[in-house]
C-alpha atoms as a PDB file:
ATOM      1  CA  UNK A   1     -44.232  70.164  36.640  1.00  0.00           C
ATOM      2  CA  UNK A   2     -43.120  66.369  36.893  1.00  0.00           C
ATOM      3  CA  UNK A   3     -43.879  64.357  34.012  1.00  0.00           C
ATOM      4  CA  UNK A   4     -45.243  60.970  35.675  1.00  0.00           C
ATOM      5  CA  UNK A   5     -45.320  59.133  32.379  1.00  0.00           C
ATOM      6  CA  UNK A   6     -41.753  60.017  31.342  1.00  0.00           C
ATOM      7  CA  UNK A   7     -40.862  59.486  35.070  1.00  0.00           C
ATOM      8  CA  UNK A   8     -42.530  55.919  35.176  1.00  0.00           C
ATOM      9  CA  UNK A   9     -40.601  54.948  31.901  1.00  0.00           C
ATOM     10  CA  UNK A  10     -37.134  56.251  33.502  1.00  0.00           C
ATOM     11  CA  UNK A  11     -37.437  54.120  36.674  1.00  0.00           C
ATOM     12  CA  UNK A  12     -35.787  50.910  35.990  1.00  0.00           C
ATOM     13  CA  UNK A  13     -37.413  47.384  36.771  1.00  0.00           C
ATOM     14  CA  UNK A  14     -36.030  45.061  39.407  1.00  0.00           C
ATOM     15  CA  UNK A  15     -35.559  42.347  36.851  1.00  0.00           C
ATOM     16  CA  UNK A  16     -32.165  42.459  34.719  1.00  0.00           C
ATOM     17  CA  UNK A  17     -32.148  43.973  31.311  1.00  0.00           C
ATOM     18  CA  UNK A  18     -30.634  41.457  29.152  1.00  0.00           C
ATOM     19  CA  UNK A  19     -28.962  42.974  25.949  1.00  0.00           C
ATOM     20  CA  UNK A  20     -28.078  39.780  23.842  1.00  0.00           C
ATOM     21  CA  UNK A  21     -26.945  36.000  24.144  1.00  0.00           C
ATOM     22  CA  UNK A  22     -23.631  34.340  23.899  1.00  0.00           C
ATOM     23  CA  UNK A  23     -24.051  30.606  23.180  1.00  0.00           C
ATOM     24  CA  UNK A  24     -27.665  30.710  24.488  1.00  0.00           C
ATOM     25  CA  UNK A  25     -26.140  32.473  27.882  1.00  0.00           C
ATOM     26  CA  UNK A  26     -27.980  35.831  28.380  1.00  0.00           C
ATOM     27  CA  UNK A  27     -25.764  38.956  28.916  1.00  0.00           C
ATOM     28  CA  UNK A  28     -27.546  41.650  31.074  1.00  0.00           C
ATOM     29  CA  UNK A  29     -26.312  45.419  31.136  1.00  0.00           C
ATOM     30  CA  UNK A  30     -25.186  44.985  34.573  1.00  0.00           C
ATOM     31  CA  UNK A  31     -22.583  42.309  33.526  1.00  0.00           C
ATOM     32  CA  UNK A  32     -21.371  44.457  30.748  1.00  0.00           C
ATOM     33  CA  UNK A  33     -20.882  46.912  33.328  1.00  0.00           C
ATOM     34  CA  UNK A  34     -19.010  44.620  35.644  1.00  0.00           C
ATOM     35  CA  UNK A  35     -16.614  43.690  32.657  1.00  0.00           C
ATOM     36  CA  UNK A  36     -16.350  47.664  32.025  1.00  0.00           C
ATOM     37  CA  UNK A  37     -15.271  47.865  35.660  1.00  0.00           C
ATOM     38  CA  UNK A  38     -12.897  45.067  35.477  1.00  0.00           C
ATOM     39  CA  UNK A  39     -11.040  46.520  32.199  1.00  0.00           C
ATOM     40  CA  UNK A  40     -10.995  50.074  34.005  1.00  0.00           C
ATOM     41  CA  UNK A  41      -9.464  48.658  36.886  1.00  0.00           C
ATOM     42  CA  UNK A  42      -6.650  46.651  34.837  1.00  0.00           C
ATOM     43  CA  UNK A  43      -5.896  50.122  33.163  1.00  0.00           C
ATOM     44  CA  UNK A  44      -5.677  51.867  36.074  1.00  0.00           C
ATOM     45  CA  UNK A  45      -3.397  49.032  37.879  1.00  0.00           C
ATOM     46  CA  UNK A  46      -1.007  49.440  34.665  1.00  0.00           C
ATOM     47  CA  UNK A  47      -0.857  53.109  34.995  1.00  0.00           C
ATOM     48  CA  UNK A  48      -0.075  52.915  38.704  1.00  0.00           C
ATOM     49  CA  UNK A  49       2.451  50.496  38.322  1.00  0.00           C
ATOM     50  CA  UNK A  50       4.236  52.372  35.487  1.00  0.00           C
ATOM     51  CA  UNK A  51       4.203  55.706  37.475  1.00  0.00           C
ATOM     52  CA  UNK A  52       5.546  53.964  40.862  1.00  0.00           C
ATOM     53  CA  UNK A  53       8.306  55.956  42.092  1.00  0.00           C
ATOM     54  CA  UNK A  54      10.372  56.064  45.418  1.00  0.00           C
ATOM     55  CA  UNK A  55       9.600  59.853  45.842  1.00  0.00           C
ATOM     56  CA  UNK A  56       5.785  59.960  45.035  1.00  0.00           C
ATOM     57  CA  UNK A  57       4.003  62.445  43.058  1.00  0.00           C
ATOM     58  CA  UNK A  58       0.467  63.673  43.787  1.00  0.00           C
ATOM     59  CA  UNK A  59      -1.044  60.831  41.597  1.00  0.00           C
ATOM     60  CA  UNK A  60       0.869  58.179  43.976  1.00  0.00           C
ATOM     61  CA  UNK A  61       0.172  59.973  47.004  1.00  0.00           C
ATOM     62  CA  UNK A  62      -3.681  59.496  46.465  1.00  0.00           C
ATOM     63  CA  UNK A  63      -3.471  55.809  46.155  1.00  0.00           C
ATOM     64  CA  UNK A  64      -1.247  55.613  49.177  1.00  0.00           C
ATOM     65  CA  UNK A  65      -3.484  57.342  51.269  1.00  0.00           C
ATOM     66  CA  UNK A  66      -6.287  55.118  49.883  1.00  0.00           C
ATOM     67  CA  UNK A  67      -4.259  51.958  50.662  1.00  0.00           C
ATOM     68  CA  UNK A  68      -3.558  53.235  54.293  1.00  0.00           C
ATOM     69  CA  UNK A  69      -7.102  54.185  54.879  1.00  0.00           C
ATOM     70  CA  UNK A  70      -8.541  50.600  53.717  1.00  0.00           C
ATOM     71  CA  UNK A  71      -5.741  49.010  55.949  1.00  0.00           C
ATOM     72  CA  UNK A  72      -6.836  50.954  58.987  1.00  0.00           C
ATOM     73  CA  UNK A  73     -10.130  50.083  58.354  1.00  0.00           C
ATOM     74  CA  UNK A  74      -9.308  46.387  58.393  1.00  0.00           C
ATOM     75  CA  UNK A  75      -7.382  46.740  61.258  1.00  0.00           C
ATOM     76  CA  UNK A  76     -10.133  47.922  63.184  1.00  0.00           C
ATOM     77  CA  UNK A  77     -12.196  45.101  62.468  1.00  0.00           C
ATOM     78  CA  UNK A  78      -9.479  42.416  62.917  1.00  0.00           C
ATOM     79  CA  UNK A  79      -7.340  44.052  65.644  1.00  0.00           C
ATOM     80  CA  UNK A  80      -4.565  41.973  64.315  1.00  0.00           C
ATOM     81  CA  UNK A  81      -1.730  43.014  61.822  1.00  0.00           C
ATOM     82  CA  UNK A  82      -1.301  39.415  60.929  1.00  0.00           C
ATOM     83  CA  UNK A  83      -4.924  38.550  59.753  1.00  0.00           C
ATOM     84  CA  UNK A  84      -5.340  42.193  58.225  1.00  0.00           C
ATOM     85  CA  UNK A  85      -2.326  41.216  55.901  1.00  0.00           C
ATOM     86  CA  UNK A  86      -3.918  38.002  55.086  1.00  0.00           C
ATOM     87  CA  UNK A  87      -7.466  39.211  54.082  1.00  0.00           C
ATOM     88  CA  UNK A  88      -6.472  42.702  52.654  1.00  0.00           C
ATOM     89  CA  UNK A  89      -6.324  41.703  49.283  1.00  0.00           C
ATOM     90  CA  UNK A  90      -9.919  40.340  49.296  1.00  0.00           C
ATOM     91  CA  UNK A  91     -11.417  43.034  51.407  1.00  0.00           C
ATOM     92  CA  UNK A  92      -9.789  45.783  49.740  1.00  0.00           C
ATOM     93  CA  UNK A  93     -10.557  44.616  46.299  1.00  0.00           C
ATOM     94  CA  UNK A  94     -14.198  44.009  47.106  1.00  0.00           C
ATOM     95  CA  UNK A  95     -14.593  47.526  48.550  1.00  0.00           C
ATOM     96  CA  UNK A  96     -12.904  49.100  45.277  1.00  0.00           C
ATOM     97  CA  UNK A  97     -15.166  47.031  43.028  1.00  0.00           C
ATOM     98  CA  UNK A  98     -18.474  47.776  45.171  1.00  0.00           C
ATOM     99  CA  UNK A  99     -17.411  51.697  45.314  1.00  0.00           C
ATOM    100  CA  UNK A 100     -17.067  51.953  41.689  1.00  0.00           C
ATOM    101  CA  UNK A 101     -20.040  49.497  41.147  1.00  0.00           C
ATOM    102  CA  UNK A 102     -22.312  51.896  43.112  1.00  0.00           C
ATOM    103  CA  UNK A 103     -21.129  55.055  41.553  1.00  0.00           C
ATOM    104  CA  UNK A 104     -20.761  54.071  38.040  1.00  0.00           C
ATOM    105  CA  UNK A 105     -24.321  54.720  37.150  1.00  0.00           C
ATOM    106  CA  UNK A 106     -23.784  58.569  38.021  1.00  0.00           C
ATOM    107  CA  UNK A 107     -21.375  59.094  35.313  1.00  0.00           C
ATOM    108  CA  UNK A 108     -22.976  61.538  32.937  1.00  0.00           C
ATOM    109  CA  UNK A 109     -24.139  59.731  29.803  1.00  0.00           C
ATOM    110  CA  UNK A 110     -23.254  56.472  30.558  1.00  0.00           C
ATOM    111  CA  UNK A 111     -26.691  55.072  30.955  1.00  0.00           C
ATOM    112  CA  UNK A 112     -27.793  57.054  27.788  1.00  0.00           C
ATOM    113  CA  UNK A 113     -25.733  54.197  25.860  1.00  0.00           C
ATOM    114  CA  UNK A 114     -28.098  51.894  24.369  1.00  0.00           C
ATOM    115  CA  UNK A 115     -28.823  49.177  21.876  1.00  0.00           C
ATOM    116  CA  UNK A 116     -32.539  48.638  20.540  1.00  0.00           C
ATOM    117  CA  UNK A 117     -33.710  50.885  23.321  1.00  0.00           C
ATOM    118  CA  UNK A 118     -31.999  48.694  26.043  1.00  0.00           C
ATOM    119  CA  UNK A 119     -29.244  50.596  28.250  1.00  0.00           C
ATOM    120  CA  UNK A 120     -25.743  49.061  27.681  1.00  0.00           C
ATOM    121  CA  UNK A 121     -24.486  49.921  31.070  1.00  0.00           C
ATOM    122  CA  UNK A 122     -26.278  50.126  34.518  1.00  0.00           C
ATOM    123  CA  UNK A 123     -25.643  50.222  38.159  1.00  0.00           C
ATOM    124  CA  UNK A 124     -24.576  46.590  38.836  1.00  0.00           C
ATOM    125  CA  UNK A 125     -25.488  46.681  42.852  1.00  0.00           C
ATOM    126  CA  UNK A 126     -28.956  47.588  41.565  1.00  0.00           C
ATOM    127  CA  UNK A 127     -29.031  44.077  40.064  1.00  0.00           C
ATOM    128  CA  UNK A 128     -30.186  41.567  42.876  1.00  0.00           C
ATOM    129  CA  UNK A 129     -28.002  38.668  40.910  1.00  0.00           C
ATOM    130  CA  UNK A 130     -24.974  40.716  41.451  1.00  0.00           C
ATOM    131  CA  UNK A 131     -25.413  41.230  45.051  1.00  0.00           C
ATOM    132  CA  UNK A 132     -26.442  37.860  45.722  1.00  0.00           C
ATOM    133  CA  UNK A 133     -23.483  36.423  43.648  1.00  0.00           C
ATOM    134  CA  UNK A 134     -21.180  38.565  45.705  1.00  0.00           C
ATOM    135  CA  UNK A 135     -22.733  37.760  49.104  1.00  0.00           C
ATOM    136  CA  UNK A 136     -22.883  33.848  48.421  1.00  0.00           C
ATOM    137  CA  UNK A 137     -19.320  33.626  47.194  1.00  0.00           C
ATOM    138  CA  UNK A 138     -17.971  35.736  50.068  1.00  0.00           C
ATOM    139  CA  UNK A 139     -19.719  33.460  52.555  1.00  0.00           C
ATOM    140  CA  UNK A 140     -19.060  30.205  51.013  1.00  0.00           C
ATOM    141  CA  UNK A 141     -15.301  31.416  50.883  1.00  0.00           C
ATOM    142  CA  UNK A 142     -15.265  32.338  54.705  1.00  0.00           C
ATOM    143  CA  UNK A 143     -16.935  28.649  55.427  1.00  0.00           C
ATOM    144  CA  UNK A 144     -14.022  27.091  53.571  1.00  0.00           C
ATOM    145  CA  UNK A 145     -11.592  29.174  55.547  1.00  0.00           C
ATOM    146  CA  UNK A 146     -13.237  28.052  58.652  1.00  0.00           C
ATOM    147  CA  UNK A 147     -12.733  24.349  57.613  1.00  0.00           C
ATOM    148  CA  UNK A 148      -9.309  25.048  56.943  1.00  0.00           C
ATOM    149  CA  UNK A 149      -8.747  26.726  60.397  1.00  0.00           C
ATOM    150  CA  UNK A 150     -10.769  24.380  62.479  1.00  0.00           C
ATOM    151  CA  UNK A 151     -10.729  21.125  60.477  1.00  0.00           C
ATOM    152  CA  UNK A 152     -13.837  19.526  58.887  1.00  0.00           C
ATOM    153  CA  UNK A 153     -14.922  17.551  61.934  1.00  0.00           C
ATOM    154  CA  UNK A 154     -14.521  20.653  64.341  1.00  0.00           C
ATOM    155  CA  UNK A 155     -16.383  22.813  61.922  1.00  0.00           C
ATOM    156  CA  UNK A 156     -19.104  20.496  61.320  1.00  0.00           C
ATOM    157  CA  UNK A 157     -19.572  20.058  65.309  1.00  0.00           C
ATOM    158  CA  UNK A 158     -20.415  23.825  65.498  1.00  0.00           C
ATOM    159  CA  UNK A 159     -23.710  22.905  63.746  1.00  0.00           C
ATOM    160  CA  UNK A 160     -24.082  19.099  64.693  1.00  0.00           C
ATOM    161  CA  UNK A 161     -23.460  18.799  68.301  1.00  0.00           C
ATOM    162  CA  UNK A 162     -24.026  15.284  68.881  1.00  0.00           C
ATOM    163  CA  UNK A 163     -21.052  14.588  71.106  1.00  0.00           C
ATOM    164  CA  UNK A 164     -22.226  17.499  73.353  1.00  0.00           C
ATOM    165  CA  UNK A 165     -25.745  15.660  73.820  1.00  0.00           C
ATOM    166  CA  UNK A 166     -23.854  12.508  74.641  1.00  0.00           C
ATOM    167  CA  UNK A 167     -21.467  14.186  77.243  1.00  0.00           C
ATOM    168  CA  UNK A 168     -24.631  16.147  78.541  1.00  0.00           C
ATOM    169  CA  UNK A 169     -26.694  12.868  79.138  1.00  0.00           C
ATOM    170  CA  UNK A 170     -23.907  11.050  80.782  1.00  0.00           C
ATOM    171  CA  UNK A 171     -23.553  14.022  83.372  1.00  0.00           C
ATOM    172  CA  UNK A 172     -27.342  13.921  84.051  1.00  0.00           C
ATOM    173  CA  UNK A 173     -30.846  14.663  82.730  1.00  0.00           C
ATOM    174  CA  UNK A 174     -30.414  18.468  83.236  1.00  0.00           C
ATOM    175  CA  UNK A 175     -27.323  18.706  81.349  1.00  0.00           C
ATOM    176  CA  UNK A 176     -28.684  16.389  78.829  1.00  0.00           C
ATOM    177  CA  UNK A 177     -31.519  18.637  78.338  1.00  0.00           C
ATOM    178  CA  UNK A 178     -29.330  21.629  78.002  1.00  0.00           C
ATOM    179  CA  UNK A 179     -26.934  19.985  75.322  1.00  0.00           C
ATOM    180  CA  UNK A 180     -30.357  19.058  73.644  1.00  0.00           C
ATOM    181  CA  UNK A 181     -31.309  22.678  73.363  1.00  0.00           C
ATOM    182  CA  UNK A 182     -27.684  23.752  72.208  1.00  0.00           C
ATOM    183  CA  UNK A 183     -28.013  21.038  69.505  1.00  0.00           C
ATOM    184  CA  UNK A 184     -31.051  22.593  68.111  1.00  0.00           C
ATOM    185  CA  UNK A 185     -29.529  26.158  68.419  1.00  0.00           C
ATOM    186  CA  UNK A 186     -26.545  24.726  66.078  1.00  0.00           C
ATOM    187  CA  UNK A 187     -28.889  23.580  63.648  1.00  0.00           C
ATOM    188  CA  UNK A 188     -30.397  27.317  63.668  1.00  0.00           C
ATOM    189  CA  UNK A 189     -26.742  28.527  62.900  1.00  0.00           C
ATOM    190  CA  UNK A 190     -27.060  26.787  59.455  1.00  0.00           C
ATOM    191  CA  UNK A 191     -30.052  28.752  58.814  1.00  0.00           C
ATOM    192  CA  UNK A 192     -27.891  31.904  60.104  1.00  0.00           C
ATOM    193  CA  UNK A 193     -25.254  31.300  57.426  1.00  0.00           C
ATOM    194  CA  UNK A 194     -28.007  31.281  54.711  1.00  0.00           C
ATOM    195  CA  UNK A 195     -29.228  34.512  56.475  1.00  0.00           C
ATOM    196  CA  UNK A 196     -25.987  36.105  55.964  1.00  0.00           C
ATOM    197  CA  UNK A 197     -26.250  35.734  52.480  1.00  0.00           C
ATOM    198  CA  UNK A 198     -29.563  36.839  52.266  1.00  0.00           C
ATOM    199  CA  UNK A 199     -29.211  39.796  54.413  1.00  0.00           C
ATOM    200  CA  UNK A 200     -25.839  41.024  52.811  1.00  0.00           C
ATOM    201  CA  UNK A 201     -27.541  40.664  49.327  1.00  0.00           C
ATOM    202  CA  UNK A 202     -30.849  42.364  49.994  1.00  0.00           C
ATOM    203  CA  UNK A 203     -29.305  45.251  51.983  1.00  0.00           C
ATOM    204  CA  UNK A 204     -26.779  46.276  49.181  1.00  0.00           C
ATOM    205  CA  UNK A 205     -29.518  45.816  46.475  1.00  0.00           C
ATOM    206  CA  UNK A 206     -32.386  47.757  48.465  1.00  0.00           C
ATOM    207  CA  UNK A 207     -30.218  50.545  49.162  1.00  0.00           C
ATOM    208  CA  UNK A 208     -28.796  50.969  45.674  1.00  0.00           C
ATOM    209  CA  UNK A 209     -31.975  50.199  43.854  1.00  0.00           C
ATOM    210  CA  UNK A 210     -34.084  52.459  46.204  1.00  0.00           C
ATOM    211  CA  UNK A 211     -31.337  55.222  46.006  1.00  0.00           C
ATOM    212  CA  UNK A 212     -31.413  54.865  42.040  1.00  0.00           C
ATOM    213  CA  UNK A 213     -34.976  55.360  42.076  1.00  0.00           C
ATOM    214  CA  UNK A 214     -34.936  58.323  44.512  1.00  0.00           C
ATOM    215  CA  UNK A 215     -32.373  59.961  42.477  1.00  0.00           C
ATOM    216  CA  UNK A 216     -34.556  59.648  39.384  1.00  0.00           C
ATOM    217  CA  UNK A 217     -37.616  61.071  41.215  1.00  0.00           C
ATOM    218  CA  UNK A 218     -35.726  64.117  42.794  1.00  0.00           C
ATOM    219  CA  UNK A 219     -33.673  65.049  39.731  1.00  0.00           C
ATOM    220  CA  UNK A 220     -37.000  65.038  37.650  1.00  0.00           C
ATOM    221  CA  UNK A 221     -38.646  67.331  40.355  1.00  0.00           C
ATOM    222  CA  UNK A 222     -35.470  69.652  41.102  1.00  0.00           C
ATOM    223  CA  UNK A 223     -33.022  68.904  38.040  1.00  0.00           C
ATOM    224  CA  UNK A 224     -32.420  72.631  38.128  1.00  0.00           C
ATOM    225  CA  UNK A 225     -32.322  73.541  41.975  1.00  0.00           C
ATOM    226  CA  UNK A 226     -30.173  70.947  43.675  1.00  0.00           C
ATOM    227  CA  UNK A 227     -28.308  68.524  41.419  1.00  0.00           C
ATOM    228  CA  UNK A 228     -25.113  68.817  43.190  1.00  0.00           C
ATOM    229  CA  UNK A 229     -26.438  67.950  46.295  1.00  0.00           C
ATOM    230  CA  UNK A 230     -28.216  64.880  45.088  1.00  0.00           C
ATOM    231  CA  UNK A 231     -25.241  63.635  43.501  1.00  0.00           C
ATOM    232  CA  UNK A 232     -23.172  64.372  46.361  1.00  0.00           C
ATOM    233  CA  UNK A 233     -25.758  62.412  48.557  1.00  0.00           C
ATOM    234  CA  UNK A 234     -25.438  59.574  45.867  1.00  0.00           C
ATOM    235  CA  UNK A 235     -21.799  59.628  46.330  1.00  0.00           C
ATOM    236  CA  UNK A 236     -22.075  59.351  50.096  1.00  0.00           C
ATOM    237  CA  UNK A 237     -24.512  56.456  50.130  1.00  0.00           C
ATOM    238  CA  UNK A 238     -22.695  54.496  47.637  1.00  0.00           C
ATOM    239  CA  UNK A 239     -19.396  54.909  49.256  1.00  0.00           C
ATOM    240  CA  UNK A 240     -21.054  53.911  52.644  1.00  0.00           C
ATOM    241  CA  UNK A 241     -22.583  50.772  51.296  1.00  0.00           C
ATOM    242  CA  UNK A 242     -19.331  49.696  49.850  1.00  0.00           C
ATOM    243  CA  UNK A 243     -17.680  50.085  53.160  1.00  0.00           C
ATOM    244  CA  UNK A 244     -20.605  48.271  55.086  1.00  0.00           C
ATOM    245  CA  UNK A 245     -20.548  45.411  52.968  1.00  0.00           C
ATOM    246  CA  UNK A 246     -16.499  45.013  53.067  1.00  0.00           C
ATOM    247  CA  UNK A 247     -16.513  45.587  56.899  1.00  0.00           C
ATOM    248  CA  UNK A 248     -19.274  42.896  57.451  1.00  0.00           C
ATOM    249  CA  UNK A 249     -17.212  40.337  55.358  1.00  0.00           C
ATOM    250  CA  UNK A 250     -14.341  41.042  57.457  1.00  0.00           C
ATOM    251  CA  UNK A 251     -16.120  40.711  60.569  1.00  0.00           C
ATOM    252  CA  UNK A 252     -17.681  37.185  59.470  1.00  0.00           C
ATOM    253  CA  UNK A 253     -14.072  36.258  58.533  1.00  0.00           C
ATOM    254  CA  UNK A 254     -12.813  36.825  62.216  1.00  0.00           C
ATOM    255  CA  UNK A 255     -15.905  35.095  63.427  1.00  0.00           C
ATOM    256  CA  UNK A 256     -15.060  31.979  61.243  1.00  0.00           C
ATOM    257  CA  UNK A 257     -11.490  31.618  62.584  1.00  0.00           C
ATOM    258  CA  UNK A 258      -9.354  30.689  65.557  1.00  0.00           C
ATOM    259  CA  UNK A 259      -8.724  33.303  68.000  1.00  0.00           C
ATOM    260  CA  UNK A 260      -5.142  34.570  67.663  1.00  0.00           C
ATOM    261  CA  UNK A 261      -4.087  33.319  70.988  1.00  0.00           C
ATOM    262  CA  UNK A 262      -5.134  29.753  70.208  1.00  0.00           C
ATOM    263  CA  UNK A 263      -3.226  30.308  66.949  1.00  0.00           C
ATOM    264  CA  UNK A 264      -0.122  31.046  68.693  1.00  0.00           C
ATOM    265  CA  UNK A 265      -0.200  28.230  71.084  1.00  0.00           C
ATOM    266  CA  UNK A 266      -0.956  25.654  68.352  1.00  0.00           C
ATOM    267  CA  UNK A 267       2.260  26.938  66.735  1.00  0.00           C
END
């Protein structure tokens, strides 16, 4: 029988759990988990570099397969080896971080570590601050890349189409009216950029937070029946959400830059 009182206490709140302050800056459990992930990646990178050989062993083969898989995934989005090579370090890093961040909360005993009754570590992507920060940073960088590709004036003309209005009314009233509609559509594109941040952040946060609650409820109900299946489902969802987020960022990147044929003509 489920103890609903204990279950209610086990379900985490939406607000971040703050552990302590550093010079007045609050540090949450998700922040500590992020630093833990960075530390683990640094150790892993050191080990991989030290053990890298011309004739790879099983350990190196696993990472080479992962590398090729991520490259193929990005190639499917960009359809360009040149573009894939440019964005691979960012997209691959983002995917690996999200993969670990989504799954680290499932490590047995990790969430039990606490100070004053507050958990030291938690699933970082179940904290909206983390997912919003990732989404905002990614869209901001993509827009900066777009400015570099097109130039500032051409970039702004995608949102503020004053030139098109002038040309439209110069051709006639009908063309001017259509240009005026396009002008307002351009303004809506600004909202679209904001919507990208919100949708990316909420999609990842909602899926991981809801999955965390579902896992707690199901484990409380059938802890001795199907725990392996539940963990398998959690791993699948975590990996899927990491892949979706990374692919969407790669897709937004391709929409923000010049087509390959225009780049080749310009060069």
